[in-house]
Amino acid sequence: MRLIKRSTVISRQTLLLFLTSVLALGCERHVLGARDGFAVQPGDLLFQDLDCGPLCDAIEKVTTGYQGANFSHVGLAAKDERGHVVVIEAVSIGVEVTPLQTFLGRSLDEAGRPKVAVGRLKAPYRHLIPSAIKEAFALKGRPYDKVFAFDNGAYYCSELIYEIFRRANGNISVFAAQPMTFKDPDTNRTHPAWGQYFAELGVPVPEGEPGINPGGISRSDVLTIYCVYGTPSLSRLSRPLALDCDRTDSGKGPRKE
């Protein structure tokens, strides 16, 4: 197996928290396989602007996604034993395998389209995908990591992605861990939603501890944001994220790798 060395990049980020179990709304337009030529592939990372209330808003306030998009959740596309495309993700009840349409239907923009961007690993990293998917399925049923601590046997969404690719790469990180921050950038104080959350858990805010978040992964140079289904909310974006998934042909992405 080829090993890929990745250095840790220090930047102001924080982690994802997905605390609220969400109901599947259904997504009539966006079925897997092909729509105008596009198909989600196993190994694609699906970045989601999830509407789960104050904590999702707090995640987005203290992290930055690709081209300023707000991403509060991420999952890994895979195929199950029946050949159906699913999303392996860490949610409030633990590591779960979710049908693609359920995942896409959770959070929709004003036009009724999923607020999801598709990230695809660049060619030098794609050999890691089969092993990463195997590692992800093996972690099904593990608990959700409420305290955002590495190496505790529990996983939050972006930690799951970090860990499965690290294992697939011979225990060398593919995505960079970063010092976490839970501070509101406008005040430089702990965001109230985070303060309340950790107080209710009875643990200190893990400011500065190593972690990772969906926005940081979406900006990684090991992947390409291939297309978007709908329009995520934006922190500071002045142009479209990438080619619409409905208009992306199966052989070309919106930007070169």
C-alpha atoms as a PDB file:
ATOM      1  CA  MET A   1       0.000   0.000   0.000  1.00  0.00           C
ATOM      2  CA  ARG A   2       1.252   3.450  -0.889  1.00  0.00           C
ATOM      3  CA  LEU A   3       1.465   5.799   2.061  1.00  0.00           C
ATOM      4  CA  ILE A   4       0.746   9.496   1.732  1.00  0.00           C
ATOM      5  CA  LYS A   5       2.207  11.927   4.258  1.00  0.00           C
ATOM      6  CA  ARG A   6       0.087  14.885   5.268  1.00  0.00           C
ATOM      7  CA  SER A   7       1.288  17.660   7.545  1.00  0.00           C
ATOM      8  CA  THR A   8      -0.933  19.258  10.182  1.00  0.00           C
ATOM      9  CA  VAL A   9      -2.113  22.698   9.173  1.00  0.00           C
ATOM     10  CA  ILE A  10      -2.962  25.041  12.042  1.00  0.00           C
ATOM     11  CA  SER A  11      -5.916  27.292  11.363  1.00  0.00           C
ATOM     12  CA  ARG A  12      -8.889  28.653  13.228  1.00  0.00           C
ATOM     13  CA  GLN A  13     -11.520  25.946  12.985  1.00  0.00           C
ATOM     14  CA  THR A  14     -13.894  23.926  15.119  1.00  0.00           C
ATOM     15  CA  LEU A  15     -15.708  20.681  15.005  1.00  0.00           C
ATOM     16  CA  LEU A  16     -19.026  19.600  13.834  1.00  0.00           C
ATOM     17  CA  LEU A  17     -21.781  18.718  16.251  1.00  0.00           C
ATOM     18  CA  PHE A  18     -24.786  16.843  14.921  1.00  0.00           C
ATOM     19  CA  LEU A  19     -26.996  16.489  17.969  1.00  0.00           C
ATOM     20  CA  THR A  20     -30.479  16.380  16.545  1.00  0.00           C
ATOM     21  CA  SER A  21     -31.847  13.310  14.796  1.00  0.00           C
ATOM     22  CA  VAL A  22     -33.550  14.606  11.681  1.00  0.00           C
ATOM     23  CA  LEU A  23     -36.500  13.256   9.749  1.00  0.00           C
ATOM     24  CA  ALA A  24     -36.205  12.200   6.148  1.00  0.00           C
ATOM     25  CA  LEU A  25     -38.129  14.600   3.949  1.00  0.00           C
ATOM     26  CA  GLY A  26     -37.550  12.641   0.754  1.00  0.00           C
ATOM     27  CA  CYS A  27     -35.894  13.983  -2.332  1.00  0.00           C
ATOM     28  CA  GLU A  28     -37.920  13.295  -5.431  1.00  0.00           C
ATOM     29  CA  ARG A  29     -35.602  14.878  -7.936  1.00  0.00           C
ATOM     30  CA  HIS A  30     -32.229  13.662  -6.801  1.00  0.00           C
ATOM     31  CA  VAL A  31     -32.036   9.911  -7.071  1.00  0.00           C
ATOM     32  CA  LEU A  32     -28.766   8.083  -7.254  1.00  0.00           C
ATOM     33  CA  GLY A  33     -27.507   6.729 -10.508  1.00  0.00           C
ATOM     34  CA  ALA A  34     -27.812   9.449 -13.052  1.00  0.00           C
ATOM     35  CA  ARG A  35     -29.601  12.693 -13.605  1.00  0.00           C
ATOM     36  CA  ASP A  36     -28.319  14.356 -16.730  1.00  0.00           C
ATOM     37  CA  GLY A  37     -25.232  12.150 -16.427  1.00  0.00           C
ATOM     38  CA  PHE A  38     -24.265  12.755 -12.792  1.00  0.00           C
ATOM     39  CA  ALA A  39     -23.910   9.956 -10.262  1.00  0.00           C
ATOM     40  CA  VAL A  40     -22.579   9.947  -6.725  1.00  0.00           C
ATOM     41  CA  GLN A  41     -19.623   7.567  -6.539  1.00  0.00           C
ATOM     42  CA  PRO A  42     -18.474   5.422  -3.607  1.00  0.00           C
ATOM     43  CA  GLY A  43     -15.862   7.430  -1.742  1.00  0.00           C
ATOM     44  CA  ASP A  44     -17.443  10.811  -2.483  1.00  0.00           C
ATOM     45  CA  LEU A  45     -17.734  13.082   0.555  1.00  0.00           C
ATOM     46  CA  LEU A  46     -21.123  14.764   0.907  1.00  0.00           C
ATOM     47  CA  PHE A  47     -20.917  18.111   2.679  1.00  0.00           C
ATOM     48  CA  GLN A  48     -24.215  19.307   4.111  1.00  0.00           C
ATOM     49  CA  ASP A  49     -25.521  22.645   5.315  1.00  0.00           C
ATOM     50  CA  LEU A  50     -27.700  21.080   7.985  1.00  0.00           C
ATOM     51  CA  ASP A  51     -30.524  22.998   9.636  1.00  0.00           C
ATOM     52  CA  CYS A  52     -30.492  21.615  13.187  1.00  0.00           C
ATOM     53  CA  GLY A  53     -30.935  24.817  15.168  1.00  0.00           C
ATOM     54  CA  PRO A  54     -28.568  26.933  17.286  1.00  0.00           C
ATOM     55  CA  LEU A  55     -25.753  24.373  17.428  1.00  0.00           C
ATOM     56  CA  CYS A  56     -25.545  23.965  13.664  1.00  0.00           C
ATOM     57  CA  ASP A  57     -25.552  27.752  13.439  1.00  0.00           C
ATOM     58  CA  ALA A  58     -22.740  27.838  16.000  1.00  0.00           C
ATOM     59  CA  ILE A  59     -20.705  25.318  14.018  1.00  0.00           C
ATOM     60  CA  GLU A  60     -21.055  27.406  10.892  1.00  0.00           C
ATOM     61  CA  LYS A  61     -20.223  30.626  12.751  1.00  0.00           C
ATOM     62  CA  VAL A  62     -16.820  29.378  13.918  1.00  0.00           C
ATOM     63  CA  THR A  63     -15.780  27.309  10.864  1.00  0.00           C
ATOM     64  CA  THR A  64     -15.247  28.096   7.197  1.00  0.00           C
ATOM     65  CA  GLY A  65     -16.149  25.858   4.269  1.00  0.00           C
ATOM     66  CA  TYR A  66     -15.069  25.801   0.643  1.00  0.00           C
ATOM     67  CA  GLN A  67     -15.431  29.280  -0.877  1.00  0.00           C
ATOM     68  CA  GLY A  68     -17.237  30.475   2.235  1.00  0.00           C
ATOM     69  CA  ALA A  69     -20.048  27.909   2.217  1.00  0.00           C
ATOM     70  CA  ASN A  70     -21.504  26.856   5.552  1.00  0.00           C
ATOM     71  CA  PHE A  71     -21.148  23.121   6.129  1.00  0.00           C
ATOM     72  CA  SER A  72     -22.162  21.595   9.440  1.00  0.00           C
ATOM     73  CA  HIS A  73     -22.133  17.907   8.488  1.00  0.00           C
ATOM     74  CA  VAL A  74     -20.285  15.431   6.252  1.00  0.00           C
ATOM     75  CA  GLY A  75     -20.796  11.793   5.296  1.00  0.00           C
ATOM     76  CA  LEU A  76     -19.154   9.195   3.047  1.00  0.00           C
ATOM     77  CA  ALA A  77     -20.925   7.686   0.027  1.00  0.00           C
ATOM     78  CA  ALA A  78     -20.690   3.908  -0.321  1.00  0.00           C
ATOM     79  CA  LYS A  79     -22.638   0.907  -1.638  1.00  0.00           C
ATOM     80  CA  ASP A  80     -24.337  -1.529   0.688  1.00  0.00           C
ATOM     81  CA  GLU A  81     -24.516  -5.305   0.248  1.00  0.00           C
ATOM     82  CA  ARG A  82     -27.465  -4.918  -2.149  1.00  0.00           C
ATOM     83  CA  GLY A  83     -25.604  -2.442  -4.324  1.00  0.00           C
ATOM     84  CA  HIS A  84     -27.623   0.550  -3.130  1.00  0.00           C
ATOM     85  CA  VAL A  85     -25.764   3.791  -2.569  1.00  0.00           C
ATOM     86  CA  VAL A  86     -25.806   4.855   1.062  1.00  0.00           C
ATOM     87  CA  VAL A  87     -24.100   7.448   3.237  1.00  0.00           C
ATOM     88  CA  ILE A  88     -22.027   6.331   6.212  1.00  0.00           C
ATOM     89  CA  GLU A  89     -22.177   9.082   8.803  1.00  0.00           C
ATOM     90  CA  ALA A  90     -21.774   9.837  12.489  1.00  0.00           C
ATOM     91  CA  VAL A  91     -24.999  11.345  13.830  1.00  0.00           C
ATOM     92  CA  SER A  92     -26.446  11.906  17.288  1.00  0.00           C
ATOM     93  CA  ILE A  93     -27.285   8.223  17.775  1.00  0.00           C
ATOM     94  CA  GLY A  94     -23.884   7.028  16.546  1.00  0.00           C
ATOM     95  CA  VAL A  95     -22.299   5.799  13.317  1.00  0.00           C
ATOM     96  CA  GLU A  96     -25.140   4.942  10.948  1.00  0.00           C
ATOM     97  CA  VAL A  97     -25.713   3.845   7.351  1.00  0.00           C
ATOM     98  CA  THR A  98     -28.300   6.108   5.723  1.00  0.00           C
ATOM     99  CA  PRO A  99     -29.996   5.859   2.306  1.00  0.00           C
ATOM    100  CA  LEU A 100     -28.776   8.568  -0.038  1.00  0.00           C
ATOM    101  CA  GLN A 101     -32.231  10.045  -0.567  1.00  0.00           C
ATOM    102  CA  THR A 102     -32.764  10.316   3.186  1.00  0.00           C
ATOM    103  CA  PHE A 103     -29.471  12.159   3.525  1.00  0.00           C
ATOM    104  CA  LEU A 104     -30.225  14.518   0.635  1.00  0.00           C
ATOM    105  CA  GLY A 105     -33.724  15.249   1.892  1.00  0.00           C
ATOM    106  CA  ARG A 106     -32.745  16.530   5.332  1.00  0.00           C
ATOM    107  CA  SER A 107     -31.981  20.123   4.517  1.00  0.00           C
ATOM    108  CA  LEU A 108     -33.311  21.912   1.427  1.00  0.00           C
ATOM    109  CA  ASP A 109     -32.789  25.353  -0.037  1.00  0.00           C
ATOM    110  CA  GLU A 110     -35.580  27.740  -1.037  1.00  0.00           C
ATOM    111  CA  ALA A 111     -35.955  25.927  -4.354  1.00  0.00           C
ATOM    112  CA  GLY A 112     -36.421  22.585  -2.617  1.00  0.00           C
ATOM    113  CA  ARG A 113     -32.961  21.288  -3.545  1.00  0.00           C
ATOM    114  CA  PRO A 114     -30.580  19.545  -1.128  1.00  0.00           C
ATOM    115  CA  LYS A 115     -28.031  21.862   0.465  1.00  0.00           C
ATOM    116  CA  VAL A 116     -25.259  19.371  -0.297  1.00  0.00           C
ATOM    117  CA  ALA A 117     -21.917  19.677  -2.092  1.00  0.00           C
ATOM    118  CA  VAL A 118     -20.115  16.645  -3.492  1.00  0.00           C
ATOM    119  CA  GLY A 119     -16.396  16.366  -2.777  1.00  0.00           C
ATOM    120  CA  ARG A 120     -14.365  13.854  -4.794  1.00  0.00           C
ATOM    121  CA  LEU A 121     -10.845  12.731  -3.895  1.00  0.00           C
ATOM    122  CA  LYS A 122      -8.144  13.597  -6.390  1.00  0.00           C
ATOM    123  CA  ALA A 123      -6.552  10.785  -8.358  1.00  0.00           C
ATOM    124  CA  PRO A 124      -3.470  10.225  -6.141  1.00  0.00           C
ATOM    125  CA  TYR A 125      -5.737   9.455  -3.174  1.00  0.00           C
ATOM    126  CA  ARG A 126      -8.464   7.349  -4.736  1.00  0.00           C
ATOM    127  CA  HIS A 127      -6.666   4.061  -4.089  1.00  0.00           C
ATOM    128  CA  LEU A 128      -7.511   4.652  -0.404  1.00  0.00           C
ATOM    129  CA  ILE A 129     -11.280   4.600  -0.980  1.00  0.00           C
ATOM    130  CA  PRO A 130     -11.996   0.836  -0.815  1.00  0.00           C
ATOM    131  CA  SER A 131     -10.116   0.478   2.476  1.00  0.00           C
ATOM    132  CA  ALA A 132     -11.697   3.635   3.891  1.00  0.00           C
ATOM    133  CA  ILE A 133     -15.196   2.360   3.070  1.00  0.00           C
ATOM    134  CA  LYS A 134     -14.378  -0.980   4.710  1.00  0.00           C
ATOM    135  CA  GLU A 135     -13.189   0.852   7.834  1.00  0.00           C
ATOM    136  CA  ALA A 136     -16.345   2.976   7.867  1.00  0.00           C
ATOM    137  CA  PHE A 137     -18.681  -0.025   7.725  1.00  0.00           C
ATOM    138  CA  ALA A 138     -16.669  -1.656  10.521  1.00  0.00           C
ATOM    139  CA  LEU A 139     -17.406   1.339  12.758  1.00  0.00           C
ATOM    140  CA  LYS A 140     -21.179   1.124  12.301  1.00  0.00           C
ATOM    141  CA  GLY A 141     -22.867   1.279  15.687  1.00  0.00           C
ATOM    142  CA  ARG A 142     -20.062   3.133  17.470  1.00  0.00           C
ATOM    143  CA  PRO A 143     -21.335   5.967  19.695  1.00  0.00           C
ATOM    144  CA  TYR A 144     -21.399   9.641  18.823  1.00  0.00           C
ATOM    145  CA  ASP A 145     -18.507  11.627  20.263  1.00  0.00           C
ATOM    146  CA  LYS A 146     -20.264  14.287  22.350  1.00  0.00           C
ATOM    147  CA  VAL A 147     -17.048  15.717  23.811  1.00  0.00           C
ATOM    148  CA  PHE A 148     -15.029  15.892  20.564  1.00  0.00           C
ATOM    149  CA  ALA A 149     -12.039  13.917  21.805  1.00  0.00           C
ATOM    150  CA  PHE A 150      -9.818  11.859  19.541  1.00  0.00           C
ATOM    151  CA  ASP A 151      -9.064   8.228  20.470  1.00  0.00           C
ATOM    152  CA  ASN A 152     -12.038   7.633  22.770  1.00  0.00           C
ATOM    153  CA  GLY A 153     -13.877   5.060  20.667  1.00  0.00           C
ATOM    154  CA  ALA A 154     -16.646   7.504  19.717  1.00  0.00           C
ATOM    155  CA  TYR A 155     -16.936   9.618  16.569  1.00  0.00           C
ATOM    156  CA  TYR A 156     -18.412  12.903  15.415  1.00  0.00           C
ATOM    157  CA  CYS A 157     -19.024  13.269  11.682  1.00  0.00           C
ATOM    158  CA  SER A 158     -15.770  14.769  10.475  1.00  0.00           C
ATOM    159  CA  GLU A 159     -13.756  12.703  12.966  1.00  0.00           C
ATOM    160  CA  LEU A 160     -15.197   9.592  11.318  1.00  0.00           C
ATOM    161  CA  ILE A 161     -13.964  10.761   7.903  1.00  0.00           C
ATOM    162  CA  TYR A 162     -10.571  11.687   9.350  1.00  0.00           C
ATOM    163  CA  GLU A 163     -10.168   8.323  11.072  1.00  0.00           C
ATOM    164  CA  ILE A 164     -11.220   5.989   8.259  1.00  0.00           C
ATOM    165  CA  PHE A 165      -8.869   7.603   5.750  1.00  0.00           C
ATOM    166  CA  ARG A 166      -6.063   7.673   8.298  1.00  0.00           C
ATOM    167  CA  ARG A 167      -6.462   3.939   8.841  1.00  0.00           C
ATOM    168  CA  ALA A 168      -6.690   3.315   5.093  1.00  0.00           C
ATOM    169  CA  ASN A 169      -3.417   5.219   4.661  1.00  0.00           C
ATOM    170  CA  GLY A 170      -1.390   3.132   7.100  1.00  0.00           C
ATOM    171  CA  ASN A 171      -2.197   5.361  10.099  1.00  0.00           C
ATOM    172  CA  ILE A 172      -0.890   8.476   8.348  1.00  0.00           C
ATOM    173  CA  SER A 173      -3.408  11.344   8.284  1.00  0.00           C
ATOM    174  CA  VAL A 174      -4.867  12.302   4.921  1.00  0.00           C
ATOM    175  CA  PHE A 175      -6.914  15.214   6.274  1.00  0.00           C
ATOM    176  CA  ALA A 176      -5.226  17.661   8.626  1.00  0.00           C
ATOM    177  CA  ALA A 177      -6.253  17.870  12.259  1.00  0.00           C
ATOM    178  CA  GLN A 178      -6.462  21.402  13.617  1.00  0.00           C
ATOM    179  CA  PRO A 179      -6.711  23.154  16.985  1.00  0.00           C
ATOM    180  CA  MET A 180     -10.387  23.558  17.742  1.00  0.00           C
ATOM    181  CA  THR A 181     -11.980  26.852  18.593  1.00  0.00           C
ATOM    182  CA  PHE A 182     -15.447  27.420  19.963  1.00  0.00           C
ATOM    183  CA  LYS A 183     -15.087  31.196  20.047  1.00  0.00           C
ATOM    184  CA  ASP A 184     -17.394  33.544  18.207  1.00  0.00           C
ATOM    185  CA  PRO A 185     -15.122  35.442  15.773  1.00  0.00           C
ATOM    186  CA  ASP A 186     -17.107  38.626  16.392  1.00  0.00           C
ATOM    187  CA  THR A 187     -16.470  38.654  20.145  1.00  0.00           C
ATOM    188  CA  ASN A 188     -13.468  36.346  20.617  1.00  0.00           C
ATOM    189  CA  ARG A 189     -15.440  34.717  23.429  1.00  0.00           C
ATOM    190  CA  THR A 190     -16.898  31.228  23.629  1.00  0.00           C
ATOM    191  CA  HIS A 191     -20.037  31.134  21.519  1.00  0.00           C
ATOM    192  CA  PRO A 192     -23.050  31.028  23.890  1.00  0.00           C
ATOM    193  CA  ALA A 193     -24.464  27.878  22.273  1.00  0.00           C
ATOM    194  CA  TRP A 194     -21.190  26.057  22.824  1.00  0.00           C
ATOM    195  CA  GLY A 195     -20.855  27.329  26.365  1.00  0.00           C
ATOM    196  CA  GLN A 196     -24.321  26.027  27.230  1.00  0.00           C
ATOM    197  CA  TYR A 197     -23.684  22.708  25.497  1.00  0.00           C
ATOM    198  CA  PHE A 198     -20.476  21.879  27.356  1.00  0.00           C
ATOM    199  CA  ALA A 199     -21.894  23.162  30.638  1.00  0.00           C
ATOM    200  CA  GLU A 200     -24.779  20.709  30.311  1.00  0.00           C
ATOM    201  CA  LEU A 201     -22.276  17.911  29.688  1.00  0.00           C
ATOM    202  CA  GLY A 202     -20.308  18.993  32.744  1.00  0.00           C
ATOM    203  CA  VAL A 203     -17.007  19.206  30.873  1.00  0.00           C
ATOM    204  CA  PRO A 204     -14.707  22.116  30.019  1.00  0.00           C
ATOM    205  CA  VAL A 205     -14.834  23.666  26.568  1.00  0.00           C
ATOM    206  CA  PRO A 206     -12.019  21.874  24.666  1.00  0.00           C
ATOM    207  CA  GLU A 207     -10.634  25.087  23.208  1.00  0.00           C
ATOM    208  CA  GLY A 208      -7.354  24.471  21.363  1.00  0.00           C
ATOM    209  CA  GLU A 209      -7.571  20.681  21.467  1.00  0.00           C
ATOM    210  CA  PRO A 210      -6.925  18.848  18.161  1.00  0.00           C
ATOM    211  CA  GLY A 211      -9.941  18.189  15.994  1.00  0.00           C
ATOM    212  CA  ILE A 212     -11.433  18.555  12.544  1.00  0.00           C
ATOM    213  CA  ASN A 213     -14.631  19.895  10.989  1.00  0.00           C
ATOM    214  CA  PRO A 214     -16.628  19.579   7.746  1.00  0.00           C
ATOM    215  CA  GLY A 215     -15.680  23.030   6.484  1.00  0.00           C
ATOM    216  CA  GLY A 216     -11.983  22.321   6.925  1.00  0.00           C
ATOM    217  CA  ILE A 217     -12.244  19.016   5.065  1.00  0.00           C
ATOM    218  CA  SER A 218     -14.140  20.714   2.222  1.00  0.00           C
ATOM    219  CA  ARG A 219     -11.165  23.066   1.736  1.00  0.00           C
ATOM    220  CA  SER A 220      -8.578  20.270   1.723  1.00  0.00           C
ATOM    221  CA  ASP A 221      -6.268  20.091  -1.276  1.00  0.00           C
ATOM    222  CA  VAL A 222      -6.715  16.313  -1.491  1.00  0.00           C
ATOM    223  CA  LEU A 223     -10.211  16.668  -2.955  1.00  0.00           C
ATOM    224  CA  THR A 224     -12.211  18.610  -5.501  1.00  0.00           C
ATOM    225  CA  ILE A 225     -15.647  20.065  -4.853  1.00  0.00           C
ATOM    226  CA  TYR A 226     -17.184  18.369  -7.861  1.00  0.00           C
ATOM    227  CA  CYS A 227     -20.666  19.871  -7.858  1.00  0.00           C
ATOM    228  CA  VAL A 228     -23.523  21.082  -5.668  1.00  0.00           C
ATOM    229  CA  TYR A 229     -27.138  19.904  -5.549  1.00  0.00           C
ATOM    230  CA  GLY A 230     -28.595  23.099  -4.136  1.00  0.00           C
ATOM    231  CA  THR A 231     -27.424  26.306  -2.502  1.00  0.00           C
ATOM    232  CA  PRO A 232     -25.894  26.139   0.993  1.00  0.00           C
ATOM    233  CA  SER A 233     -25.962  29.233   3.140  1.00  0.00           C
ATOM    234  CA  LEU A 234     -22.895  31.375   2.695  1.00  0.00           C
ATOM    235  CA  SER A 235     -20.582  33.232   5.017  1.00  0.00           C
ATOM    236  CA  ARG A 236     -18.670  35.186   2.396  1.00  0.00           C
ATOM    237  CA  LEU A 237     -19.288  33.816  -1.068  1.00  0.00           C
ATOM    238  CA  SER A 238     -19.673  35.966  -4.150  1.00  0.00           C
ATOM    239  CA  ARG A 239     -19.870  33.305  -6.874  1.00  0.00           C
ATOM    240  CA  PRO A 240     -21.368  29.819  -7.323  1.00  0.00           C
ATOM    241  CA  LEU A 241     -19.603  27.022  -5.471  1.00  0.00           C
ATOM    242  CA  ALA A 242     -19.280  24.687  -8.429  1.00  0.00           C
ATOM    243  CA  LEU A 243     -21.223  23.220 -11.313  1.00  0.00           C
ATOM    244  CA  ASP A 244     -24.772  22.158 -10.539  1.00  0.00           C
ATOM    245  CA  CYS A 245     -24.886  18.377 -10.047  1.00  0.00           C
ATOM    246  CA  ASP A 246     -27.862  18.207 -12.417  1.00  0.00           C
ATOM    247  CA  ARG A 247     -25.687  19.696 -15.161  1.00  0.00           C
ATOM    248  CA  THR A 248     -22.477  17.816 -14.490  1.00  0.00           C
ATOM    249  CA  ASP A 249     -21.646  15.071 -16.944  1.00  0.00           C
ATOM    250  CA  SER A 250     -20.217  11.860 -15.529  1.00  0.00           C
ATOM    251  CA  GLY A 251     -16.771  12.334 -16.959  1.00  0.00           C
ATOM    252  CA  LYS A 252     -15.883  15.911 -16.105  1.00  0.00           C
ATOM    253  CA  GLY A 253     -15.945  18.019 -12.991  1.00  0.00           C
ATOM    254  CA  PRO A 254     -16.261  21.790 -12.677  1.00  0.00           C
ATOM    255  CA  ARG A 255     -12.568  22.336 -12.036  1.00  0.00           C
ATOM    256  CA  LYS A 256      -9.374  20.544 -12.857  1.00  0.00           C
ATOM    257  CA  GLU A 257      -7.611  18.253 -10.429  1.00  0.00           C
END
